[in-house]
Amino acid sequence: MNIEPNFATLWLSGTALIFGLGLLFIGGEMLISGAAKIALRLGMSSLLIGLTVVAFGTSMPELFVSLNASFSGHSDIMFGNVVGSNIANVGLVLAFSALLSPLVIHFNRLRIELYMVIAAGLLLLALTIWGYFPRPVGILFTSILAVYTVLSYRKEAKENNRKAKEGEVDKSNHSPYPLISGLVIGGLVFMWFGSDYFIMGAVDIARFFGLSDLIIGLTLAAVGTSLPELASCISALRRKEGDILVGNIIGSNLFNILLVLGITAGIKPFSIPHQVLLRDLPVMLAFSIILVPIAMYAKEIKRWHGAALLAGYFLYIYSLR
């Protein structure tokens, strides 16, 4: 008697998932276009735009999903969403992008951010041993991110002033600010609604098949909230904005830990599921650490790197059974 309504709900959830996916890709295209125009208009590097503006925008779904899950009493979905999203960003999004086209990665320009992601992951590992994420640590995380963003912008501004004095800044063909604002805000709005529809559909489908909150967070919610990164990366590849792509992934992982978990804990401290200590957090750290030797020695993420990362991601997903 209950089979038909269940399958009707499943069909609606699948429709919501596909519709959300479409909105995410439209939003990603708009956001990358607007971000590239900001970089040109302000004389900022594409890498810094990827590390800040795009990373912040594509981390918004994780933030809203995490806050919603935390206030709804589903802290396992919230924590699993962040950890799983960071794993998916490297093992799925960055890997898939590298398969499409090798990605140049500048270690001298990204080493601080790479080390910050690893350090934040190690601190998260220590908190997991304790089993609790307190409000003071949440405030510390958001403060560190705020200081990093301000210092990065000031460093870029000094470089721009030097170029301006030397006449190296090209001020031609700048798009008007209303167009840039419309693209960035419109892209974020599309990704907001797209993520909402995707998560709604994905979680309903997962519950239909009886998956736990943590597994939902680590897989469906994580992949769903990583779709803005994927959409942005594909758009960046099409526009040959490799620095925005790489900066987006590394910056997004940094924002996910420091901003998403920091704000969530600052508003409502939460317990951390102990089972992530032996499996999920080590995998997240491994995917972050492996980028250091790749950036330091290979100087680019080659297609075979992408294939290896993708294989590692699917092995991780297989281990969740």
C-alpha atoms as a PDB file:
ATOM      1  CA  MET A   1       0.000   0.000   0.000  1.00  0.00           C
ATOM      2  CA  ASN A   2       2.893   2.367   0.758  1.00  0.00           C
ATOM      3  CA  ILE A   3       5.073   1.462  -2.241  1.00  0.00           C
ATOM      4  CA  GLU A   4       3.449   3.850  -4.720  1.00  0.00           C
ATOM      5  CA  PRO A   5       3.711   6.994  -2.556  1.00  0.00           C
ATOM      6  CA  ASN A   6       7.331   6.131  -1.735  1.00  0.00           C
ATOM      7  CA  PHE A   7       8.269   5.792  -5.387  1.00  0.00           C
ATOM      8  CA  ALA A   8       6.336   8.968  -6.216  1.00  0.00           C
ATOM      9  CA  THR A   9       8.407  10.786  -3.581  1.00  0.00           C
ATOM     10  CA  LEU A  10      11.579   9.242  -5.007  1.00  0.00           C
ATOM     11  CA  TRP A  11      10.684  10.537  -8.485  1.00  0.00           C
ATOM     12  CA  LEU A  12      10.096  14.057  -7.137  1.00  0.00           C
ATOM     13  CA  SER A  13      13.388  13.916  -5.233  1.00  0.00           C
ATOM     14  CA  GLY A  14      15.219  12.894  -8.405  1.00  0.00           C
ATOM     15  CA  THR A  15      13.637  15.795 -10.283  1.00  0.00           C
ATOM     16  CA  ALA A  16      14.713  18.232  -7.563  1.00  0.00           C
ATOM     17  CA  LEU A  17      18.246  16.809  -7.692  1.00  0.00           C
ATOM     18  CA  ILE A  18      18.565  17.262 -11.479  1.00  0.00           C
ATOM     19  CA  PHE A  19      17.003  20.740 -11.392  1.00  0.00           C
ATOM     20  CA  GLY A  20      19.401  21.775  -8.643  1.00  0.00           C
ATOM     21  CA  LEU A  21      22.339  20.477 -10.674  1.00  0.00           C
ATOM     22  CA  GLY A  22      21.323  22.675 -13.617  1.00  0.00           C
ATOM     23  CA  LEU A  23      21.084  25.769 -11.423  1.00  0.00           C
ATOM     24  CA  LEU A  24      24.515  25.039  -9.970  1.00  0.00           C
ATOM     25  CA  PHE A  25      26.192  24.952 -13.362  1.00  0.00           C
ATOM     26  CA  ILE A  26      24.489  28.176 -14.481  1.00  0.00           C
ATOM     27  CA  GLY A  27      25.537  29.838 -11.234  1.00  0.00           C
ATOM     28  CA  GLY A  28      29.098  28.586 -11.580  1.00  0.00           C
ATOM     29  CA  GLU A  29      29.389  30.060 -15.062  1.00  0.00           C
ATOM     30  CA  MET A  30      28.103  33.436 -13.850  1.00  0.00           C
ATOM     31  CA  LEU A  31      30.325  33.485 -10.757  1.00  0.00           C
ATOM     32  CA  ILE A  32      33.534  32.677 -12.657  1.00  0.00           C
ATOM     33  CA  SER A  33      32.714  35.286 -15.315  1.00  0.00           C
ATOM     34  CA  GLY A  34      32.118  37.927 -12.649  1.00  0.00           C
ATOM     35  CA  ALA A  35      35.213  36.913 -10.663  1.00  0.00           C
ATOM     36  CA  ALA A  36      37.449  37.160 -13.732  1.00  0.00           C
ATOM     37  CA  LYS A  37      36.066  40.659 -14.412  1.00  0.00           C
ATOM     38  CA  ILE A  38      36.719  41.659 -10.778  1.00  0.00           C
ATOM     39  CA  ALA A  39      40.323  40.495 -11.145  1.00  0.00           C
ATOM     40  CA  LEU A  40      40.735  42.612 -14.280  1.00  0.00           C
ATOM     41  CA  ARG A  41      38.956  45.649 -12.845  1.00  0.00           C
ATOM     42  CA  LEU A  42      40.822  45.697  -9.528  1.00  0.00           C
ATOM     43  CA  GLY A  43      44.136  44.569 -10.959  1.00  0.00           C
ATOM     44  CA  MET A  44      44.046  41.521  -8.655  1.00  0.00           C
ATOM     45  CA  SER A  45      45.517  38.203  -9.671  1.00  0.00           C
ATOM     46  CA  SER A  46      43.195  35.427 -10.765  1.00  0.00           C
ATOM     47  CA  LEU A  47      44.775  33.236  -8.079  1.00  0.00           C
ATOM     48  CA  LEU A  48      43.787  35.597  -5.244  1.00  0.00           C
ATOM     49  CA  ILE A  49      40.271  35.913  -6.670  1.00  0.00           C
ATOM     50  CA  GLY A  50      40.022  32.117  -6.689  1.00  0.00           C
ATOM     51  CA  LEU A  51      41.374  31.867  -3.139  1.00  0.00           C
ATOM     52  CA  THR A  52      38.958  34.467  -1.763  1.00  0.00           C
ATOM     53  CA  VAL A  53      35.937  35.634  -3.801  1.00  0.00           C
ATOM     54  CA  VAL A  54      35.227  32.361  -5.633  1.00  0.00           C
ATOM     55  CA  ALA A  55      36.199  30.157  -2.659  1.00  0.00           C
ATOM     56  CA  PHE A  56      33.901  32.145  -0.375  1.00  0.00           C
ATOM     57  CA  GLY A  57      31.029  31.940  -2.842  1.00  0.00           C
ATOM     58  CA  THR A  58      31.353  28.218  -3.488  1.00  0.00           C
ATOM     59  CA  SER A  59      31.640  27.529   0.274  1.00  0.00           C
ATOM     60  CA  MET A  60      28.274  29.139   0.960  1.00  0.00           C
ATOM     61  CA  PRO A  61      26.304  25.918   0.313  1.00  0.00           C
ATOM     62  CA  GLU A  62      28.448  24.111   2.926  1.00  0.00           C
ATOM     63  CA  LEU A  63      27.831  26.929   5.398  1.00  0.00           C
ATOM     64  CA  PHE A  64      24.064  27.013   4.956  1.00  0.00           C
ATOM     65  CA  VAL A  65      23.734  23.221   4.924  1.00  0.00           C
ATOM     66  CA  SER A  66      25.906  22.966   8.047  1.00  0.00           C
ATOM     67  CA  LEU A  67      23.980  25.632   9.955  1.00  0.00           C
ATOM     68  CA  ASN A  68      20.667  24.082   8.968  1.00  0.00           C
ATOM     69  CA  ALA A  69      21.859  20.595   9.955  1.00  0.00           C
ATOM     70  CA  SER A  70      23.287  21.836  13.261  1.00  0.00           C
ATOM     71  CA  PHE A  71      20.109  23.675  14.283  1.00  0.00           C
ATOM     72  CA  SER A  72      18.040  20.654  13.227  1.00  0.00           C
ATOM     73  CA  GLY A  73      20.014  18.400  15.560  1.00  0.00           C
ATOM     74  CA  HIS A  74      21.894  16.587  12.771  1.00  0.00           C
ATOM     75  CA  SER A  75      25.485  17.450  13.713  1.00  0.00           C
ATOM     76  CA  ASP A  76      26.736  14.268  12.023  1.00  0.00           C
ATOM     77  CA  ILE A  77      25.419  15.505   8.660  1.00  0.00           C
ATOM     78  CA  MET A  78      26.994  18.916   9.344  1.00  0.00           C
ATOM     79  CA  PHE A  79      30.462  17.612  10.223  1.00  0.00           C
ATOM     80  CA  GLY A  80      30.382  14.898   7.578  1.00  0.00           C
ATOM     81  CA  ASN A  81      29.382  17.517   5.011  1.00  0.00           C
ATOM     82  CA  VAL A  82      32.525  19.609   5.639  1.00  0.00           C
ATOM     83  CA  VAL A  83      34.967  16.695   5.817  1.00  0.00           C
ATOM     84  CA  GLY A  84      33.380  14.904   2.871  1.00  0.00           C
ATOM     85  CA  SER A  85      33.276  18.113   0.826  1.00  0.00           C
ATOM     86  CA  ASN A  86      37.008  18.729   1.360  1.00  0.00           C
ATOM     87  CA  ILE A  87      37.725  15.163   0.261  1.00  0.00           C
ATOM     88  CA  ALA A  88      35.476  15.539  -2.786  1.00  0.00           C
ATOM     89  CA  ASN A  89      37.005  18.905  -3.736  1.00  0.00           C
ATOM     90  CA  VAL A  90      40.421  17.302  -4.238  1.00  0.00           C
ATOM     91  CA  GLY A  91      39.614  13.678  -5.019  1.00  0.00           C
ATOM     92  CA  LEU A  92      36.684  14.387  -7.310  1.00  0.00           C
ATOM     93  CA  VAL A  93      36.545  18.021  -8.512  1.00  0.00           C
ATOM     94  CA  LEU A  94      40.268  18.772  -8.840  1.00  0.00           C
ATOM     95  CA  ALA A  95      40.959  15.258 -10.146  1.00  0.00           C
ATOM     96  CA  PHE A  96      38.228  15.478 -12.779  1.00  0.00           C
ATOM     97  CA  SER A  97      39.445  18.929 -13.840  1.00  0.00           C
ATOM     98  CA  ALA A  98      43.010  17.612 -14.229  1.00  0.00           C
ATOM     99  CA  LEU A  99      41.726  14.761 -16.397  1.00  0.00           C
ATOM    100  CA  LEU A 100      40.158  17.331 -18.716  1.00  0.00           C
ATOM    101  CA  SER A 101      43.289  19.504 -18.822  1.00  0.00           C
ATOM    102  CA  PRO A 102      46.590  19.467 -16.850  1.00  0.00           C
ATOM    103  CA  LEU A 103      46.638  22.248 -14.257  1.00  0.00           C
ATOM    104  CA  VAL A 104      49.663  24.429 -13.526  1.00  0.00           C
ATOM    105  CA  ILE A 105      50.079  24.867  -9.769  1.00  0.00           C
ATOM    106  CA  HIS A 106      52.405  27.562  -8.372  1.00  0.00           C
ATOM    107  CA  PHE A 107      53.835  26.261  -5.090  1.00  0.00           C
ATOM    108  CA  ASN A 108      55.591  29.548  -4.249  1.00  0.00           C
ATOM    109  CA  ARG A 109      52.240  31.366  -4.490  1.00  0.00           C
ATOM    110  CA  LEU A 110      50.151  28.688  -2.763  1.00  0.00           C
ATOM    111  CA  ARG A 111      52.420  27.252  -0.076  1.00  0.00           C
ATOM    112  CA  ILE A 112      50.925  29.360   2.735  1.00  0.00           C
ATOM    113  CA  GLU A 113      47.375  28.280   1.862  1.00  0.00           C
ATOM    114  CA  LEU A 114      48.379  24.623   1.470  1.00  0.00           C
ATOM    115  CA  TYR A 115      50.109  24.617   4.859  1.00  0.00           C
ATOM    116  CA  MET A 116      47.129  26.407   6.429  1.00  0.00           C
ATOM    117  CA  VAL A 117      44.739  23.724   5.130  1.00  0.00           C
ATOM    118  CA  ILE A 118      46.974  20.978   6.552  1.00  0.00           C
ATOM    119  CA  ALA A 119      47.411  22.763   9.905  1.00  0.00           C
ATOM    120  CA  ALA A 120      43.656  23.336  10.213  1.00  0.00           C
ATOM    121  CA  GLY A 121      43.060  19.645   9.422  1.00  0.00           C
ATOM    122  CA  LEU A 122      45.519  18.582  12.138  1.00  0.00           C
ATOM    123  CA  LEU A 123      43.801  20.858  14.663  1.00  0.00           C
ATOM    124  CA  LEU A 124      40.479  19.343  13.629  1.00  0.00           C
ATOM    125  CA  LEU A 125      41.980  15.897  14.237  1.00  0.00           C
ATOM    126  CA  ALA A 126      42.957  16.955  17.775  1.00  0.00           C
ATOM    127  CA  LEU A 127      39.439  18.266  18.432  1.00  0.00           C
ATOM    128  CA  THR A 128      38.004  14.951  17.229  1.00  0.00           C
ATOM    129  CA  ILE A 129      40.077  13.075  19.809  1.00  0.00           C
ATOM    130  CA  TRP A 130      38.470  15.361  22.406  1.00  0.00           C
ATOM    131  CA  GLY A 131      35.079  14.796  20.793  1.00  0.00           C
ATOM    132  CA  TYR A 132      33.824  18.381  20.985  1.00  0.00           C
ATOM    133  CA  PHE A 133      34.141  21.625  18.991  1.00  0.00           C
ATOM    134  CA  PRO A 134      33.836  24.543  21.496  1.00  0.00           C
ATOM    135  CA  ARG A 135      32.790  28.126  20.775  1.00  0.00           C
ATOM    136  CA  PRO A 136      36.231  29.699  21.514  1.00  0.00           C
ATOM    137  CA  VAL A 137      37.860  27.506  18.861  1.00  0.00           C
ATOM    138  CA  GLY A 138      35.115  28.464  16.402  1.00  0.00           C
ATOM    139  CA  ILE A 139      35.825  32.151  17.045  1.00  0.00           C
ATOM    140  CA  LEU A 140      39.570  31.476  16.651  1.00  0.00           C
ATOM    141  CA  PHE A 141      38.997  29.754  13.293  1.00  0.00           C
ATOM    142  CA  THR A 142      36.949  32.627  11.859  1.00  0.00           C
ATOM    143  CA  SER A 143      39.445  35.187  13.203  1.00  0.00           C
ATOM    144  CA  ILE A 144      42.358  33.398  11.523  1.00  0.00           C
ATOM    145  CA  LEU A 145      40.488  33.402   8.220  1.00  0.00           C
ATOM    146  CA  ALA A 146      39.636  37.109   8.541  1.00  0.00           C
ATOM    147  CA  VAL A 147      43.286  38.004   9.230  1.00  0.00           C
ATOM    148  CA  TYR A 148      44.464  35.847   6.321  1.00  0.00           C
ATOM    149  CA  THR A 149      42.006  37.507   3.903  1.00  0.00           C
ATOM    150  CA  VAL A 150      42.969  41.054   4.963  1.00  0.00           C
ATOM    151  CA  LEU A 151      46.714  40.351   4.756  1.00  0.00           C
ATOM    152  CA  SER A 152      46.346  38.683   1.340  1.00  0.00           C
ATOM    153  CA  TYR A 153      44.454  41.671  -0.022  1.00  0.00           C
ATOM    154  CA  ARG A 154      46.985  44.147   1.399  1.00  0.00           C
ATOM    155  CA  LYS A 155      49.863  42.211  -0.168  1.00  0.00           C
ATOM    156  CA  GLU A 156      48.085  42.242  -3.515  1.00  0.00           C
ATOM    157  CA  ALA A 157      47.318  45.973  -3.178  1.00  0.00           C
ATOM    158  CA  LYS A 158      51.008  46.775  -2.627  1.00  0.00           C
ATOM    159  CA  GLU A 159      51.912  44.840  -5.757  1.00  0.00           C
ATOM    160  CA  ASN A 160      49.215  46.675  -7.718  1.00  0.00           C
ATOM    161  CA  ASN A 161      50.538  50.048  -6.538  1.00  0.00           C
ATOM    162  CA  ARG A 162      54.007  49.073  -7.718  1.00  0.00           C
ATOM    163  CA  LYS A 163      52.675  48.061 -11.126  1.00  0.00           C
ATOM    164  CA  ALA A 164      50.643  51.250 -11.389  1.00  0.00           C
ATOM    165  CA  LYS A 165      53.722  53.379 -10.770  1.00  0.00           C
ATOM    166  CA  GLU A 166      55.596  51.433 -13.420  1.00  0.00           C
ATOM    167  CA  GLY A 167      52.686  51.701 -15.861  1.00  0.00           C
ATOM    168  CA  GLU A 168      52.078  47.935 -16.001  1.00  0.00           C
ATOM    169  CA  VAL A 169      48.369  48.052 -15.126  1.00  0.00           C
ATOM    170  CA  ASP A 170      46.028  47.738 -18.094  1.00  0.00           C
ATOM    171  CA  LYS A 171      42.842  49.705 -17.496  1.00  0.00           C
ATOM    172  CA  SER A 172      41.284  49.105 -20.896  1.00  0.00           C
ATOM    173  CA  ASN A 173      38.163  47.072 -21.619  1.00  0.00           C
ATOM    174  CA  HIS A 174      36.961  47.068 -18.019  1.00  0.00           C
ATOM    175  CA  SER A 175      33.385  45.907 -17.474  1.00  0.00           C
ATOM    176  CA  PRO A 176      31.060  48.228 -15.521  1.00  0.00           C
ATOM    177  CA  TYR A 177      30.548  47.481 -11.829  1.00  0.00           C
ATOM    178  CA  PRO A 178      26.754  46.884 -12.148  1.00  0.00           C
ATOM    179  CA  LEU A 179      27.431  44.068 -14.651  1.00  0.00           C
ATOM    180  CA  ILE A 180      30.121  42.547 -12.449  1.00  0.00           C
ATOM    181  CA  SER A 181      27.907  42.765  -9.362  1.00  0.00           C
ATOM    182  CA  GLY A 182      24.996  41.238 -11.256  1.00  0.00           C
ATOM    183  CA  LEU A 183      27.094  38.278 -12.415  1.00  0.00           C
ATOM    184  CA  VAL A 184      28.596  37.556  -8.987  1.00  0.00           C
ATOM    185  CA  ILE A 185      25.365  38.018  -7.013  1.00  0.00           C
ATOM    186  CA  GLY A 186      23.305  36.212  -9.641  1.00  0.00           C
ATOM    187  CA  GLY A 187      25.783  33.327  -9.676  1.00  0.00           C
ATOM    188  CA  LEU A 188      25.641  33.019  -5.887  1.00  0.00           C
ATOM    189  CA  VAL A 189      21.821  33.101  -5.919  1.00  0.00           C
ATOM    190  CA  PHE A 190      21.641  30.395  -8.576  1.00  0.00           C
ATOM    191  CA  MET A 191      24.114  28.252  -6.617  1.00  0.00           C
ATOM    192  CA  TRP A 192      22.209  28.863  -3.370  1.00  0.00           C
ATOM    193  CA  PHE A 193      18.926  27.606  -4.827  1.00  0.00           C
ATOM    194  CA  GLY A 194      20.665  24.902  -6.856  1.00  0.00           C
ATOM    195  CA  SER A 195      22.380  23.518  -3.758  1.00  0.00           C
ATOM    196  CA  ASP A 196      19.124  23.684  -1.821  1.00  0.00           C
ATOM    197  CA  TYR A 197      17.234  21.656  -4.428  1.00  0.00           C
ATOM    198  CA  PHE A 198      20.104  19.212  -4.882  1.00  0.00           C
ATOM    199  CA  ILE A 199      20.550  18.563  -1.148  1.00  0.00           C
ATOM    200  CA  MET A 200      16.798  18.235  -0.638  1.00  0.00           C
ATOM    201  CA  GLY A 201      16.574  15.627  -3.372  1.00  0.00           C
ATOM    202  CA  ALA A 202      19.780  13.819  -2.422  1.00  0.00           C
ATOM    203  CA  VAL A 203      18.949  13.490   1.279  1.00  0.00           C
ATOM    204  CA  ASP A 204      15.413  12.266   0.512  1.00  0.00           C
ATOM    205  CA  ILE A 205      16.833   9.637  -1.839  1.00  0.00           C
ATOM    206  CA  ALA A 206      19.438   8.593   0.744  1.00  0.00           C
ATOM    207  CA  ARG A 207      16.805   8.257   3.454  1.00  0.00           C
ATOM    208  CA  PHE A 208      14.695   6.190   1.062  1.00  0.00           C
ATOM    209  CA  PHE A 209      17.577   3.696   0.930  1.00  0.00           C
ATOM    210  CA  GLY A 210      18.205   3.847   4.704  1.00  0.00           C
ATOM    211  CA  LEU A 211      21.603   5.598   4.878  1.00  0.00           C
ATOM    212  CA  SER A 212      22.871   7.061   8.189  1.00  0.00           C
ATOM    213  CA  ASP A 213      23.265  10.800   8.844  1.00  0.00           C
ATOM    214  CA  LEU A 214      27.079  10.580   8.793  1.00  0.00           C
ATOM    215  CA  ILE A 215      27.150   8.672   5.491  1.00  0.00           C
ATOM    216  CA  ILE A 216      24.689  11.194   4.006  1.00  0.00           C
ATOM    217  CA  GLY A 217      26.971  14.023   5.114  1.00  0.00           C
ATOM    218  CA  LEU A 218      30.141  12.349   3.814  1.00  0.00           C
ATOM    219  CA  THR A 219      28.698  11.398   0.435  1.00  0.00           C
ATOM    220  CA  LEU A 220      25.508  12.925  -0.959  1.00  0.00           C
ATOM    221  CA  ALA A 221      25.577  16.182   1.011  1.00  0.00           C
ATOM    222  CA  ALA A 222      29.330  16.527   0.487  1.00  0.00           C
ATOM    223  CA  VAL A 223      29.170  15.921  -3.254  1.00  0.00           C
ATOM    224  CA  GLY A 224      26.113  18.153  -3.531  1.00  0.00           C
ATOM    225  CA  THR A 225      27.775  21.073  -1.767  1.00  0.00           C
ATOM    226  CA  SER A 226      30.937  20.482  -3.850  1.00  0.00           C
ATOM    227  CA  LEU A 227      28.979  20.907  -7.067  1.00  0.00           C
ATOM    228  CA  PRO A 228      29.462  24.711  -7.038  1.00  0.00           C
ATOM    229  CA  GLU A 229      33.218  24.050  -7.009  1.00  0.00           C
ATOM    230  CA  LEU A 230      32.805  21.600  -9.881  1.00  0.00           C
ATOM    231  CA  ALA A 231      30.638  24.020 -11.836  1.00  0.00           C
ATOM    232  CA  SER A 232      33.092  26.856 -11.186  1.00  0.00           C
ATOM    233  CA  CYS A 233      36.074  24.697 -12.163  1.00  0.00           C
ATOM    234  CA  ILE A 234      34.507  23.605 -15.447  1.00  0.00           C
ATOM    235  CA  SER A 235      33.688  27.230 -16.211  1.00  0.00           C
ATOM    236  CA  ALA A 236      37.254  28.230 -15.315  1.00  0.00           C
ATOM    237  CA  LEU A 237      38.651  25.559 -17.650  1.00  0.00           C
ATOM    238  CA  ARG A 238      36.457  26.787 -20.493  1.00  0.00           C
ATOM    239  CA  ARG A 239      37.718  30.324 -19.916  1.00  0.00           C
ATOM    240  CA  LYS A 240      41.337  29.159 -19.463  1.00  0.00           C
ATOM    241  CA  GLU A 241      41.417  30.571 -15.915  1.00  0.00           C
ATOM    242  CA  GLY A 242      43.547  27.835 -14.339  1.00  0.00           C
ATOM    243  CA  ASP A 243      44.643  29.990 -11.400  1.00  0.00           C
ATOM    244  CA  ILE A 244      41.013  30.625 -10.433  1.00  0.00           C
ATOM    245  CA  LEU A 245      40.360  26.875 -10.601  1.00  0.00           C
ATOM    246  CA  VAL A 246      43.264  25.791  -8.374  1.00  0.00           C
ATOM    247  CA  GLY A 247      42.769  28.743  -6.020  1.00  0.00           C
ATOM    248  CA  ASN A 248      39.079  27.912  -5.768  1.00  0.00           C
ATOM    249  CA  ILE A 249      39.732  24.335  -4.593  1.00  0.00           C
ATOM    250  CA  ILE A 250      42.433  25.169  -2.044  1.00  0.00           C
ATOM    251  CA  GLY A 251      40.627  28.288  -0.850  1.00  0.00           C
ATOM    252  CA  SER A 252      37.330  26.447  -0.575  1.00  0.00           C
ATOM    253  CA  ASN A 253      38.883  23.721   1.605  1.00  0.00           C
ATOM    254  CA  LEU A 254      40.366  26.420   3.826  1.00  0.00           C
ATOM    255  CA  PHE A 255      37.034  28.263   4.042  1.00  0.00           C
ATOM    256  CA  ASN A 256      35.155  25.018   4.767  1.00  0.00           C
ATOM    257  CA  ILE A 257      37.236  24.333   7.875  1.00  0.00           C
ATOM    258  CA  LEU A 258      37.859  27.842   9.184  1.00  0.00           C
ATOM    259  CA  LEU A 259      34.650  29.592   8.109  1.00  0.00           C
ATOM    260  CA  VAL A 260      31.959  26.900   7.973  1.00  0.00           C
ATOM    261  CA  LEU A 261      32.988  24.977  11.105  1.00  0.00           C
ATOM    262  CA  GLY A 262      34.129  28.196  12.798  1.00  0.00           C
ATOM    263  CA  ILE A 263      30.825  30.043  12.349  1.00  0.00           C
ATOM    264  CA  THR A 264      28.768  26.940  13.138  1.00  0.00           C
ATOM    265  CA  ALA A 265      30.679  26.317  16.392  1.00  0.00           C
ATOM    266  CA  GLY A 266      30.640  30.032  17.215  1.00  0.00           C
ATOM    267  CA  ILE A 267      26.848  30.016  17.057  1.00  0.00           C
ATOM    268  CA  LYS A 268      26.231  26.517  18.404  1.00  0.00           C
ATOM    269  CA  PRO A 269      29.098  24.310  19.670  1.00  0.00           C
ATOM    270  CA  PHE A 270      28.740  20.680  18.629  1.00  0.00           C
ATOM    271  CA  SER A 271      30.020  17.191  19.361  1.00  0.00           C
ATOM    272  CA  ILE A 272      32.215  15.464  16.777  1.00  0.00           C
ATOM    273  CA  PRO A 273      31.426  11.858  15.726  1.00  0.00           C
ATOM    274  CA  HIS A 274      34.364   9.755  16.912  1.00  0.00           C
ATOM    275  CA  GLN A 275      34.231   7.363  13.952  1.00  0.00           C
ATOM    276  CA  VAL A 276      35.630  10.031  11.587  1.00  0.00           C
ATOM    277  CA  LEU A 277      38.930   9.879  13.512  1.00  0.00           C
ATOM    278  CA  LEU A 278      40.117   6.580  12.063  1.00  0.00           C
ATOM    279  CA  ARG A 279      38.860   6.932   8.505  1.00  0.00           C
ATOM    280  CA  ASP A 280      37.517  10.245   7.199  1.00  0.00           C
ATOM    281  CA  LEU A 281      39.832  12.867   8.712  1.00  0.00           C
ATOM    282  CA  PRO A 282      43.028  10.925   7.803  1.00  0.00           C
ATOM    283  CA  VAL A 283      41.723  10.671   4.225  1.00  0.00           C
ATOM    284  CA  MET A 284      40.985  14.416   4.162  1.00  0.00           C
ATOM    285  CA  LEU A 285      44.499  15.167   5.437  1.00  0.00           C
ATOM    286  CA  ALA A 286      46.069  12.742   2.943  1.00  0.00           C
ATOM    287  CA  PHE A 287      44.341  14.468   0.007  1.00  0.00           C
ATOM    288  CA  SER A 288      45.619  17.842   1.271  1.00  0.00           C
ATOM    289  CA  ILE A 289      49.173  16.668   1.968  1.00  0.00           C
ATOM    290  CA  ILE A 290      49.606  14.960  -1.424  1.00  0.00           C
ATOM    291  CA  LEU A 291      49.175  18.333  -3.139  1.00  0.00           C
ATOM    292  CA  VAL A 292      52.396  19.649  -1.538  1.00  0.00           C
ATOM    293  CA  PRO A 293      54.891  17.366  -3.365  1.00  0.00           C
ATOM    294  CA  ILE A 294      52.843  17.651  -6.569  1.00  0.00           C
ATOM    295  CA  ALA A 295      53.041  21.454  -6.415  1.00  0.00           C
ATOM    296  CA  MET A 296      56.652  21.492  -5.229  1.00  0.00           C
ATOM    297  CA  TYR A 297      58.174  19.073  -7.737  1.00  0.00           C
ATOM    298  CA  ALA A 298      55.774  18.377 -10.608  1.00  0.00           C
ATOM    299  CA  LYS A 299      54.702  22.044 -10.917  1.00  0.00           C
ATOM    300  CA  GLU A 300      51.391  20.910 -12.403  1.00  0.00           C
ATOM    301  CA  ILE A 301      48.618  18.433 -11.724  1.00  0.00           C
ATOM    302  CA  LYS A 302      48.975  16.068 -14.665  1.00  0.00           C
ATOM    303  CA  ARG A 303      46.290  13.805 -16.050  1.00  0.00           C
ATOM    304  CA  TRP A 304      47.772  10.763 -14.344  1.00  0.00           C
ATOM    305  CA  HIS A 305      47.727  12.662 -11.040  1.00  0.00           C
ATOM    306  CA  GLY A 306      44.049  13.331 -11.642  1.00  0.00           C
ATOM    307  CA  ALA A 307      43.405   9.649 -12.414  1.00  0.00           C
ATOM    308  CA  ALA A 308      45.218   8.584  -9.224  1.00  0.00           C
ATOM    309  CA  LEU A 309      43.312  11.093  -7.078  1.00  0.00           C
ATOM    310  CA  LEU A 310      40.007   9.997  -8.605  1.00  0.00           C
ATOM    311  CA  ALA A 311      40.834   6.331  -7.987  1.00  0.00           C
ATOM    312  CA  GLY A 312      41.665   7.184  -4.377  1.00  0.00           C
ATOM    313  CA  TYR A 313      38.352   8.989  -3.997  1.00  0.00           C
ATOM    314  CA  PHE A 314      36.332   6.044  -5.296  1.00  0.00           C
ATOM    315  CA  LEU A 315      38.248   3.667  -3.021  1.00  0.00           C
ATOM    316  CA  TYR A 316      37.301   5.922  -0.105  1.00  0.00           C
ATOM    317  CA  ILE A 317      33.633   5.924  -1.142  1.00  0.00           C
ATOM    318  CA  TYR A 318      33.779   2.121  -1.445  1.00  0.00           C
ATOM    319  CA  SER A 319      35.133   1.917   2.136  1.00  0.00           C
ATOM    320  CA  LEU A 320      32.004   3.672   3.429  1.00  0.00           C
ATOM    321  CA  ARG A 321      29.769   0.711   2.650  1.00  0.00           C
END
